[in-house]
Amino acid sequence: MVPVVVAPIIIFGRRVRALSREAQARVADMVSEGGETLDAVRPCRPSRRTAGVRALRRGDGTAFGAAIRRITRRAIMTTL
């Protein structure tokens, strides 16, 4: 009975750890991009600001996707 209980925890646990690292990396990328965008903003150049906002939104989407994958795997592991 122990292998049946422990095997899924080990398998899903490794995947959850990998997804956690990925989610943290995506959030770090997003924060870095946000900082760079805010540093580059100039009041007389609204077009540059718009490009930076688009890049920040792309980063937000990838961070959100990584978090959803991590939460889904963790829910499966907890259920098992």
C-alpha atoms as a PDB file:
ATOM      1  CA  MET A   1       0.000   0.000   0.000  1.00  0.00           C
ATOM      2  CA  VAL A   2       2.872   2.409   0.784  1.00  0.00           C
ATOM      3  CA  PRO A   3       4.285   2.433  -2.783  1.00  0.00           C
ATOM      4  CA  VAL A   4       0.819   3.180  -4.173  1.00  0.00           C
ATOM      5  CA  VAL A   5       0.562   6.226  -1.894  1.00  0.00           C
ATOM      6  CA  VAL A   6       4.157   7.450  -2.079  1.00  0.00           C
ATOM      7  CA  ALA A   7       4.801   7.051  -5.835  1.00  0.00           C
ATOM      8  CA  PRO A   8       2.257   9.677  -6.974  1.00  0.00           C
ATOM      9  CA  ILE A   9       3.489  12.098  -4.312  1.00  0.00           C
ATOM     10  CA  ILE A  10       7.067  11.742  -5.535  1.00  0.00           C
ATOM     11  CA  ILE A  11       6.113  12.033  -9.214  1.00  0.00           C
ATOM     12  CA  PHE A  12       3.780  14.994  -8.815  1.00  0.00           C
ATOM     13  CA  GLY A  13       5.996  16.592  -6.168  1.00  0.00           C
ATOM     14  CA  ARG A  14       8.893  16.846  -8.602  1.00  0.00           C
ATOM     15  CA  ARG A  15       6.635  18.393 -11.232  1.00  0.00           C
ATOM     16  CA  VAL A  16       5.153  20.859  -8.732  1.00  0.00           C
ATOM     17  CA  ARG A  17       8.643  21.947  -7.645  1.00  0.00           C
ATOM     18  CA  ALA A  18       9.661  22.493 -11.262  1.00  0.00           C
ATOM     19  CA  LEU A  19       6.493  24.485 -11.948  1.00  0.00           C
ATOM     20  CA  SER A  20       7.053  26.547  -8.788  1.00  0.00           C
ATOM     21  CA  ARG A  21      10.518  27.491  -9.997  1.00  0.00           C
ATOM     22  CA  GLU A  22       9.090  28.371 -13.415  1.00  0.00           C
ATOM     23  CA  ALA A  23       6.328  30.511 -11.880  1.00  0.00           C
ATOM     24  CA  GLN A  24       8.856  32.351  -9.699  1.00  0.00           C
ATOM     25  CA  ALA A  25      11.081  32.942 -12.730  1.00  0.00           C
ATOM     26  CA  ARG A  26       8.153  34.359 -14.725  1.00  0.00           C
ATOM     27  CA  VAL A  27       7.196  36.701 -11.880  1.00  0.00           C
ATOM     28  CA  ALA A  28      10.828  37.812 -11.609  1.00  0.00           C
ATOM     29  CA  ASP A  29      10.906  38.473 -15.368  1.00  0.00           C
ATOM     30  CA  MET A  30       7.699  40.483 -15.112  1.00  0.00           C
ATOM     31  CA  VAL A  31       9.001  42.568 -12.206  1.00  0.00           C
ATOM     32  CA  SER A  32      12.282  43.150 -14.014  1.00  0.00           C
ATOM     33  CA  GLU A  33      10.469  44.214 -17.179  1.00  0.00           C
ATOM     34  CA  GLY A  34       8.248  46.522 -15.135  1.00  0.00           C
ATOM     35  CA  GLY A  35      11.255  48.146 -13.504  1.00  0.00           C
ATOM     36  CA  GLU A  36      12.970  48.656 -16.828  1.00  0.00           C
ATOM     37  CA  THR A  37       9.774  50.069 -18.316  1.00  0.00           C
ATOM     38  CA  LEU A  38       9.332  52.555 -15.487  1.00  0.00           C
ATOM     39  CA  ASP A  39      12.975  53.608 -15.727  1.00  0.00           C
ATOM     40  CA  ALA A  40      12.621  54.260 -19.462  1.00  0.00           C
ATOM     41  CA  VAL A  41       9.421  56.324 -19.255  1.00  0.00           C
ATOM     42  CA  ARG A  42       9.858  59.905 -20.345  1.00  0.00           C
ATOM     43  CA  PRO A  43       7.014  62.425 -20.213  1.00  0.00           C
ATOM     44  CA  CYS A  44       7.593  63.610 -23.781  1.00  0.00           C
ATOM     45  CA  ARG A  45       7.678  60.093 -25.357  1.00  0.00           C
ATOM     46  CA  PRO A  46       4.272  58.415 -24.971  1.00  0.00           C
ATOM     47  CA  SER A  47       4.968  55.918 -27.787  1.00  0.00           C
ATOM     48  CA  ARG A  48       7.885  54.385 -25.837  1.00  0.00           C
ATOM     49  CA  ARG A  49       5.699  54.059 -22.791  1.00  0.00           C
ATOM     50  CA  THR A  50       3.044  52.187 -24.797  1.00  0.00           C
ATOM     51  CA  ALA A  51       5.576  49.636 -26.027  1.00  0.00           C
ATOM     52  CA  GLY A  52       6.772  49.084 -22.477  1.00  0.00           C
ATOM     53  CA  VAL A  53       3.233  48.559 -21.211  1.00  0.00           C
ATOM     54  CA  ARG A  54       2.611  45.933 -23.913  1.00  0.00           C
ATOM     55  CA  ALA A  55       5.780  44.087 -22.895  1.00  0.00           C
ATOM     56  CA  LEU A  56       4.737  44.208 -19.246  1.00  0.00           C
ATOM     57  CA  ARG A  57       1.309  42.760 -20.073  1.00  0.00           C
ATOM     58  CA  ARG A  58       2.922  39.902 -22.027  1.00  0.00           C
ATOM     59  CA  GLY A  59       5.062  39.098 -18.999  1.00  0.00           C
ATOM     60  CA  ASP A  60       2.003  39.165 -16.768  1.00  0.00           C
ATOM     61  CA  GLY A  61       0.271  36.592 -18.983  1.00  0.00           C
ATOM     62  CA  THR A  62       3.183  34.165 -18.896  1.00  0.00           C
ATOM     63  CA  ALA A  63       3.504  34.492 -15.115  1.00  0.00           C
ATOM     64  CA  PHE A  64      -0.220  33.848 -14.715  1.00  0.00           C
ATOM     65  CA  GLY A  65      -0.056  30.774 -16.972  1.00  0.00           C
ATOM     66  CA  ALA A  66       2.871  29.329 -15.022  1.00  0.00           C
ATOM     67  CA  ALA A  67       1.021  29.884 -11.742  1.00  0.00           C
ATOM     68  CA  ILE A  68      -2.105  28.161 -13.071  1.00  0.00           C
ATOM     69  CA  ARG A  69      -0.082  25.110 -14.183  1.00  0.00           C
ATOM     70  CA  ARG A  70       1.599  24.921 -10.772  1.00  0.00           C
ATOM     71  CA  ILE A  71      -1.673  25.218  -8.860  1.00  0.00           C
ATOM     72  CA  THR A  72      -3.335  22.574 -11.046  1.00  0.00           C
ATOM     73  CA  ARG A  73      -0.528  20.064 -10.470  1.00  0.00           C
ATOM     74  CA  ARG A  74      -0.499  20.762  -6.753  1.00  0.00           C
ATOM     75  CA  ALA A  75      -4.269  20.212  -6.574  1.00  0.00           C
ATOM     76  CA  ILE A  76      -3.907  16.866  -8.343  1.00  0.00           C
ATOM     77  CA  MET A  77      -1.098  15.859  -5.992  1.00  0.00           C
ATOM     78  CA  THR A  78      -3.139  16.856  -2.941  1.00  0.00           C
ATOM     79  CA  THR A  79      -6.151  14.931  -4.200  1.00  0.00           C
ATOM     80  CA  LEU A  80      -4.084  11.810  -4.751  1.00  0.00           C
END
